Amino acid sequence: MSDGILTDSNGNQLADDDSVTVIKDLKVKGTSETIKRGTLVKNIRPTDTPGEVECNTKQVKGLVLKTEFLKTA
């Protein structure tokens, strides 16, 4: 990521409300939940932290994911 442009693991640009797919099983800190590889995450929102997006999944609401584990759906 450079110049404030949000990109996924493949270098594709991400925008507010995009849908992305998780490319790796991710354990969610503070819960016993795991977001499985291939999970579709809709309506992402950029955060103030570069390389991170906020989103909701069926299992966890208000989740923050690093863009290095996402690809454009």
PDB file of N, CA and C in Angstrom:
ATOM      1  N   MET A   1       0.837  -1.168   0.000  1.00  0.00           N
ATOM      2  CA  MET A   1       0.000   0.000   0.000  1.00  0.00           C
ATOM      3  C   MET A   1       0.884   1.232   0.000  1.00  0.00           C
ATOM      4  N   SER A   2       0.530   2.202  -0.841  1.00  0.00           N
ATOM      5  CA  SER A   2       1.292   3.442  -0.879  1.00  0.00           C
ATOM      6  C   SER A   2       0.366   4.578  -1.251  1.00  0.00           C
ATOM      7  N   ASP A   3       0.740   5.766  -0.804  1.00  0.00           N
ATOM      8  CA  ASP A   3      -0.012   6.983  -1.107  1.00  0.00           C
ATOM      9  C   ASP A   3      -1.470   6.922  -0.651  1.00  0.00           C
ATOM     10  N   GLY A   4      -1.771   6.170   0.414  1.00  0.00           N
ATOM     11  CA  GLY A   4      -3.126   6.122   0.950  1.00  0.00           C
ATOM     12  C   GLY A   4      -4.097   5.288   0.133  1.00  0.00           C
ATOM     13  N   ILE A   5      -3.607   4.554  -0.861  1.00  0.00           N
ATOM     14  CA  ILE A   5      -4.479   3.705  -1.668  1.00  0.00           C
ATOM     15  C   ILE A   5      -4.557   2.338  -1.006  1.00  0.00           C
ATOM     16  N   LEU A   6      -5.774   1.877  -0.754  1.00  0.00           N
ATOM     17  CA  LEU A   6      -6.003   0.597  -0.096  1.00  0.00           C
ATOM     18  C   LEU A   6      -5.998  -0.508  -1.148  1.00  0.00           C
ATOM     19  N   THR A   7      -5.140  -1.538  -0.944  1.00  0.00           N
ATOM     20  CA  THR A   7      -5.051  -2.632  -1.912  1.00  0.00           C
ATOM     21  C   THR A   7      -5.188  -3.979  -1.222  1.00  0.00           C
ATOM     22  N   ASP A   8      -5.657  -4.982  -1.990  1.00  0.00           N
ATOM     23  CA  ASP A   8      -5.779  -6.338  -1.456  1.00  0.00           C
ATOM     24  C   ASP A   8      -4.456  -7.083  -1.609  1.00  0.00           C
ATOM     25  N   SER A   9      -4.445  -8.375  -1.323  1.00  0.00           N
ATOM     26  CA  SER A   9      -3.220  -9.173  -1.376  1.00  0.00           C
ATOM     27  C   SER A   9      -2.625  -9.266  -2.773  1.00  0.00           C
ATOM     28  N   ASN A  10      -3.441  -9.062  -3.805  1.00  0.00           N
ATOM     29  CA  ASN A  10      -2.968  -9.123  -5.192  1.00  0.00           C
ATOM     30  C   ASN A  10      -2.632  -7.755  -5.776  1.00  0.00           C
ATOM     31  N   GLY A  11      -2.766  -6.697  -4.972  1.00  0.00           N
ATOM     32  CA  GLY A  11      -2.465  -5.353  -5.452  1.00  0.00           C
ATOM     33  C   GLY A  11      -3.639  -4.649  -6.095  1.00  0.00           C
ATOM     34  N   ASN A  12      -4.823  -5.262  -6.080  1.00  0.00           N
ATOM     35  CA  ASN A  12      -6.014  -4.618  -6.635  1.00  0.00           C
ATOM     36  C   ASN A  12      -6.532  -3.575  -5.660  1.00  0.00           C
ATOM     37  N   GLN A  13      -6.973  -2.458  -6.193  1.00  0.00           N
ATOM     38  CA  GLN A  13      -7.452  -1.366  -5.351  1.00  0.00           C
ATOM     39  C   GLN A  13      -8.791  -1.719  -4.705  1.00  0.00           C
ATOM     40  N   LEU A  14      -8.927  -1.379  -3.420  1.00  0.00           N
ATOM     41  CA  LEU A  14     -10.165  -1.598  -2.685  1.00  0.00           C
ATOM     42  C   LEU A  14     -10.830  -0.255  -2.404  1.00  0.00           C
ATOM     43  N   ALA A  15     -12.161  -0.262  -2.384  1.00  0.00           N
ATOM     44  CA  ALA A  15     -12.919   0.956  -2.108  1.00  0.00           C
ATOM     45  C   ALA A  15     -13.980   0.670  -1.058  1.00  0.00           C
ATOM     46  N   ASP A  16     -14.532   1.711  -0.495  1.00  0.00           N
ATOM     47  CA  ASP A  16     -15.607   1.598   0.482  1.00  0.00           C
ATOM     48  C   ASP A  16     -16.765   0.793  -0.116  1.00  0.00           C
ATOM     49  N   ASP A  17     -17.342  -0.111   0.654  1.00  0.00           N
ATOM     50  CA  ASP A  17     -18.476  -0.960   0.269  1.00  0.00           C
ATOM     51  C   ASP A  17     -18.126  -2.084  -0.702  1.00  0.00           C
ATOM     52  N   ASP A  18     -16.843  -2.329  -0.980  1.00  0.00           N
ATOM     53  CA  ASP A  18     -16.455  -3.463  -1.813  1.00  0.00           C
ATOM     54  C   ASP A  18     -16.725  -4.781  -1.083  1.00  0.00           C
ATOM     55  N   SER A  19     -16.777  -5.862  -1.835  1.00  0.00           N
ATOM     56  CA  SER A  19     -16.857  -7.209  -1.277  1.00  0.00           C
ATOM     57  C   SER A  19     -15.520  -7.893  -1.521  1.00  0.00           C
ATOM     58  N   VAL A  20     -15.041  -8.609  -0.508  1.00  0.00           N
ATOM     59  CA  VAL A  20     -13.750  -9.287  -0.601  1.00  0.00           C
ATOM     60  C   VAL A  20     -13.887 -10.714  -0.080  1.00  0.00           C
ATOM     61  N   THR A  21     -12.888 -11.542  -0.411  1.00  0.00           N
ATOM     62  CA  THR A  21     -12.835 -12.922   0.046  1.00  0.00           C
ATOM     63  C   THR A  21     -11.596 -13.101   0.915  1.00  0.00           C
ATOM     64  N   VAL A  22     -11.739 -13.828   2.019  1.00  0.00           N
ATOM     65  CA  VAL A  22     -10.618 -14.115   2.907  1.00  0.00           C
ATOM     66  C   VAL A  22      -9.780 -15.219   2.271  1.00  0.00           C
ATOM     67  N   ILE A  23      -8.445 -15.049   2.236  1.00  0.00           N
ATOM     68  CA  ILE A  23      -7.570 -16.016   1.557  1.00  0.00           C
ATOM     69  C   ILE A  23      -6.871 -16.963   2.521  1.00  0.00           C
ATOM     70  N   LYS A  24      -7.115 -16.826   3.828  1.00  0.00           N
ATOM     71  CA  LYS A  24      -6.451 -17.659   4.828  1.00  0.00           C
ATOM     72  C   LYS A  24      -7.369 -17.779   6.035  1.00  0.00           C
ATOM     73  N   ASP A  25      -7.401 -18.950   6.680  1.00  0.00           N
ATOM     74  CA  ASP A  25      -8.168 -19.089   7.923  1.00  0.00           C
ATOM     75  C   ASP A  25      -7.606 -18.112   8.945  1.00  0.00           C
ATOM     76  N   LEU A  26      -8.484 -17.316   9.551  1.00  0.00           N
ATOM     77  CA  LEU A  26      -8.053 -16.307  10.519  1.00  0.00           C
ATOM     78  C   LEU A  26      -8.756 -16.522  11.852  1.00  0.00           C
ATOM     79  N   LYS A  27      -7.985 -16.660  12.921  1.00  0.00           N
ATOM     80  CA  LYS A  27      -8.562 -16.743  14.258  1.00  0.00           C
ATOM     81  C   LYS A  27      -8.878 -15.329  14.716  1.00  0.00           C
ATOM     82  N   VAL A  28     -10.042 -15.160  15.320  1.00  0.00           N
ATOM     83  CA  VAL A  28     -10.470 -13.842  15.780  1.00  0.00           C
ATOM     84  C   VAL A  28     -10.069 -13.687  17.240  1.00  0.00           C
ATOM     85  N   LYS A  29      -9.235 -12.682  17.519  1.00  0.00           N
ATOM     86  CA  LYS A  29      -8.772 -12.451  18.891  1.00  0.00           C
ATOM     87  C   LYS A  29      -9.957 -12.174  19.800  1.00  0.00           C
ATOM     88  N   GLY A  30      -9.911 -12.738  20.995  1.00  0.00           N
ATOM     89  CA  GLY A  30     -10.943 -12.487  21.985  1.00  0.00           C
ATOM     90  C   GLY A  30     -12.178 -13.359  21.851  1.00  0.00           C
ATOM     91  N   THR A  31     -12.199 -14.231  20.835  1.00  0.00           N
ATOM     92  CA  THR A  31     -13.328 -15.147  20.655  1.00  0.00           C
ATOM     93  C   THR A  31     -12.791 -16.526  20.291  1.00  0.00           C
ATOM     94  N   SER A  32     -13.681 -17.489  20.221  1.00  0.00           N
ATOM     95  CA  SER A  32     -13.289 -18.829  19.779  1.00  0.00           C
ATOM     96  C   SER A  32     -13.587 -19.019  18.294  1.00  0.00           C
ATOM     97  N   GLU A  33     -13.977 -17.948  17.619  1.00  0.00           N
ATOM     98  CA  GLU A  33     -14.353 -18.013  16.207  1.00  0.00           C
ATOM     99  C   GLU A  33     -13.132 -18.025  15.292  1.00  0.00           C
ATOM    100  N   THR A  34     -13.288 -18.681  14.139  1.00  0.00           N
ATOM    101  CA  THR A  34     -12.293 -18.659  13.067  1.00  0.00           C
ATOM    102  C   THR A  34     -13.010 -18.277  11.780  1.00  0.00           C
ATOM    103  N   ILE A  35     -12.496 -17.275  11.088  1.00  0.00           N
ATOM    104  CA  ILE A  35     -13.034 -16.893   9.785  1.00  0.00           C
ATOM    105  C   ILE A  35     -12.331 -17.791   8.768  1.00  0.00           C
ATOM    106  N   LYS A  36     -13.093 -18.638   8.099  1.00  0.00           N
ATOM    107  CA  LYS A  36     -12.527 -19.638   7.193  1.00  0.00           C
ATOM    108  C   LYS A  36     -12.123 -19.031   5.857  1.00  0.00           C
ATOM    109  N   ARG A  37     -11.095 -19.642   5.253  1.00  0.00           N
ATOM    110  CA  ARG A  37     -10.659 -19.249   3.917  1.00  0.00           C
ATOM    111  C   ARG A  37     -11.838 -19.363   2.960  1.00  0.00           C
ATOM    112  N   GLY A  38     -12.005 -18.375   2.091  1.00  0.00           N
ATOM    113  CA  GLY A  38     -13.097 -18.387   1.126  1.00  0.00           C
ATOM    114  C   GLY A  38     -14.342 -17.655   1.595  1.00  0.00           C
ATOM    115  N   THR A  39     -14.345 -17.184   2.840  1.00  0.00           N
ATOM    116  CA  THR A  39     -15.498 -16.446   3.367  1.00  0.00           C
ATOM    117  C   THR A  39     -15.646 -15.125   2.622  1.00  0.00           C
ATOM    118  N   LEU A  40     -16.847 -14.854   2.135  1.00  0.00           N
ATOM    119  CA  LEU A  40     -17.138 -13.595   1.456  1.00  0.00           C
ATOM    120  C   LEU A  40     -17.500 -12.548   2.499  1.00  0.00           C
ATOM    121  N   VAL A  41     -16.816 -11.423   2.441  1.00  0.00           N
ATOM    122  CA  VAL A  41     -17.069 -10.317   3.358  1.00  0.00           C
ATOM    123  C   VAL A  41     -17.556  -9.150   2.516  1.00  0.00           C
ATOM    124  N   LYS A  42     -18.768  -8.663   2.806  1.00  0.00           N
ATOM    125  CA  LYS A  42     -19.368  -7.587   2.019  1.00  0.00           C
ATOM    126  C   LYS A  42     -19.262  -6.260   2.752  1.00  0.00           C
ATOM    127  N   ASN A  43     -19.311  -5.187   1.991  1.00  0.00           N
ATOM    128  CA  ASN A  43     -19.391  -3.818   2.519  1.00  0.00           C
ATOM    129  C   ASN A  43     -18.249  -3.470   3.472  1.00  0.00           C
ATOM    130  N   ILE A  44     -17.020  -3.598   2.979  1.00  0.00           N
ATOM    131  CA  ILE A  44     -15.872  -3.221   3.793  1.00  0.00           C
ATOM    132  C   ILE A  44     -15.808  -1.698   3.914  1.00  0.00           C
ATOM    133  N   ARG A  45     -15.176  -1.238   5.009  1.00  0.00           N
ATOM    134  CA  ARG A  45     -14.991   0.189   5.236  1.00  0.00           C
ATOM    135  C   ARG A  45     -13.538   0.433   5.645  1.00  0.00           C
ATOM    136  N   PRO A  46     -12.852   1.347   4.971  1.00  0.00           N
ATOM    137  CA  PRO A  46     -11.468   1.649   5.362  1.00  0.00           C
ATOM    138  C   PRO A  46     -11.418   2.208   6.792  1.00  0.00           C
ATOM    139  N   THR A  47     -10.334   1.929   7.497  1.00  0.00           N
ATOM    140  CA  THR A  47     -10.135   2.492   8.839  1.00  0.00           C
ATOM    141  C   THR A  47      -9.073   3.580   8.753  1.00  0.00           C
ATOM    142  N   ASP A  48      -8.778   4.207   9.876  1.00  0.00           N
ATOM    143  CA  ASP A  48      -7.726   5.227   9.920  1.00  0.00           C
ATOM    144  C   ASP A  48      -6.332   4.604   9.860  1.00  0.00           C
ATOM    145  N   THR A  49      -6.260   3.293  10.094  1.00  0.00           N
ATOM    146  CA  THR A  49      -4.988   2.578  10.061  1.00  0.00           C
ATOM    147  C   THR A  49      -4.737   2.042   8.646  1.00  0.00           C
ATOM    148  N   PRO A  50      -3.618   2.415   8.031  1.00  0.00           N
ATOM    149  CA  PRO A  50      -3.327   1.905   6.682  1.00  0.00           C
ATOM    150  C   PRO A  50      -3.252   0.380   6.671  1.00  0.00           C
ATOM    151  N   GLY A  51      -3.835  -0.235   5.637  1.00  0.00           N
ATOM    152  CA  GLY A  51      -3.760  -1.687   5.492  1.00  0.00           C
ATOM    153  C   GLY A  51      -4.812  -2.447   6.270  1.00  0.00           C
ATOM    154  N   GLU A  52      -5.805  -1.757   6.835  1.00  0.00           N
ATOM    155  CA  GLU A  52      -6.865  -2.423   7.578  1.00  0.00           C
ATOM    156  C   GLU A  52      -8.229  -1.929   7.128  1.00  0.00           C
ATOM    157  N   VAL A  53      -9.212  -2.848   7.153  1.00  0.00           N
ATOM    158  CA  VAL A  53     -10.597  -2.499   6.832  1.00  0.00           C
ATOM    159  C   VAL A  53     -11.510  -3.018   7.940  1.00  0.00           C
ATOM    160  N   GLU A  54     -12.609  -2.325   8.139  1.00  0.00           N
ATOM    161  CA  GLU A  54     -13.615  -2.768   9.098  1.00  0.00           C
ATOM    162  C   GLU A  54     -14.739  -3.434   8.322  1.00  0.00           C
ATOM    163  N   CYS A  55     -15.314  -4.498   8.904  1.00  0.00           N
ATOM    164  CA  CYS A  55     -16.369  -5.227   8.227  1.00  0.00           C
ATOM    165  C   CYS A  55     -17.177  -6.026   9.237  1.00  0.00           C
ATOM    166  N   ASN A  56     -18.237  -6.647   8.766  1.00  0.00           N
ATOM    167  CA  ASN A  56     -19.045  -7.549   9.567  1.00  0.00           C
ATOM    168  C   ASN A  56     -19.118  -8.889   8.848  1.00  0.00           C
ATOM    169  N   THR A  57     -19.089  -9.970   9.624  1.00  0.00           N
ATOM    170  CA  THR A  57     -19.321 -11.301   9.080  1.00  0.00           C
ATOM    171  C   THR A  57     -20.505 -11.893   9.829  1.00  0.00           C
ATOM    172  N   LYS A  58     -20.947 -13.053   9.408  1.00  0.00           N
ATOM    173  CA  LYS A  58     -22.047 -13.708  10.109  1.00  0.00           C
ATOM    174  C   LYS A  58     -21.665 -14.022  11.548  1.00  0.00           C
ATOM    175  N   GLN A  59     -20.382 -14.368  11.769  1.00  0.00           N
ATOM    176  CA  GLN A  59     -19.927 -14.753  13.098  1.00  0.00           C
ATOM    177  C   GLN A  59     -19.592 -13.564  13.993  1.00  0.00           C
ATOM    178  N   VAL A  60     -18.957 -12.523  13.413  1.00  0.00           N
ATOM    179  CA  VAL A  60     -18.414 -11.427  14.211  1.00  0.00           C
ATOM    180  C   VAL A  60     -18.807 -10.087  13.593  1.00  0.00           C
ATOM    181  N   LYS A  61     -19.310  -9.194  14.433  1.00  0.00           N
ATOM    182  CA  LYS A  61     -19.649  -7.832  13.991  1.00  0.00           C
ATOM    183  C   LYS A  61     -18.527  -6.886  14.405  1.00  0.00           C
ATOM    184  N   GLY A  62     -18.278  -5.866  13.602  1.00  0.00           N
ATOM    185  CA  GLY A  62     -17.249  -4.885  13.936  1.00  0.00           C
ATOM    186  C   GLY A  62     -15.842  -5.443  13.857  1.00  0.00           C
ATOM    187  N   LEU A  63     -15.605  -6.312  12.907  1.00  0.00           N
ATOM    188  CA  LEU A  63     -14.323  -6.982  12.741  1.00  0.00           C
ATOM    189  C   LEU A  63     -13.374  -6.101  11.931  1.00  0.00           C
ATOM    190  N   VAL A  64     -12.101  -6.059  12.325  1.00  0.00           N
ATOM    191  CA  VAL A  64     -11.077  -5.339  11.570  1.00  0.00           C
ATOM    192  C   VAL A  64     -10.122  -6.369  10.985  1.00  0.00           C
ATOM    193  N   LEU A  65      -9.962  -6.331   9.656  1.00  0.00           N
ATOM    194  CA  LEU A  65      -9.093  -7.291   8.963  1.00  0.00           C
ATOM    195  C   LEU A  65      -7.962  -6.569   8.250  1.00  0.00           C
ATOM    196  N   LYS A  66      -6.808  -7.213   8.188  1.00  0.00           N
ATOM    197  CA  LYS A  66      -5.695  -6.670   7.416  1.00  0.00           C
ATOM    198  C   LYS A  66      -5.928  -7.024   5.941  1.00  0.00           C
ATOM    199  N   THR A  67      -5.648  -6.078   5.069  1.00  0.00           N
ATOM    200  CA  THR A  67      -5.903  -6.279   3.644  1.00  0.00           C
ATOM    201  C   THR A  67      -4.981  -7.330   3.022  1.00  0.00           C
ATOM    202  N   GLU A  68      -3.889  -7.669   3.671  1.00  0.00           N
ATOM    203  CA  GLU A  68      -2.979  -8.691   3.141  1.00  0.00           C
ATOM    204  C   GLU A  68      -3.623 -10.081   3.135  1.00  0.00           C
ATOM    205  N   PHE A  69      -4.738 -10.259   3.871  1.00  0.00           N
ATOM    206  CA  PHE A  69      -5.444 -11.535   3.923  1.00  0.00           C
ATOM    207  C   PHE A  69      -6.737 -11.520   3.103  1.00  0.00           C
ATOM    208  N   LEU A  70      -6.891 -10.511   2.242  1.00  0.00           N
ATOM    209  CA  LEU A  70      -8.129 -10.362   1.461  1.00  0.00           C
ATOM    210  C   LEU A  70      -7.819 -10.284  -0.019  1.00  0.00           C
ATOM    211  N   LYS A  71      -8.791 -10.722  -0.830  1.00  0.00           N
ATOM    212  CA  LYS A  71      -8.693 -10.515  -2.274  1.00  0.00           C
ATOM    213  C   LYS A  71     -10.058 -10.056  -2.767  1.00  0.00           C
ATOM    214  N   THR A  72     -10.058  -9.303  -3.851  1.00  0.00           N
ATOM    215  CA  THR A  72     -11.294  -8.783  -4.413  1.00  0.00           C
ATOM    216  C   THR A  72     -12.186  -9.929  -4.852  1.00  0.00           C
ATOM    217  N   ALA A  73     -13.470  -9.845  -4.483  1.00  0.00           N
ATOM    218  CA  ALA A  73     -14.417 -10.918  -4.799  1.00  0.00           C
ATOM    219  C   ALA A  73     -14.870 -10.834  -6.248  1.00  0.00           C
TER     220      ALA A  73
END
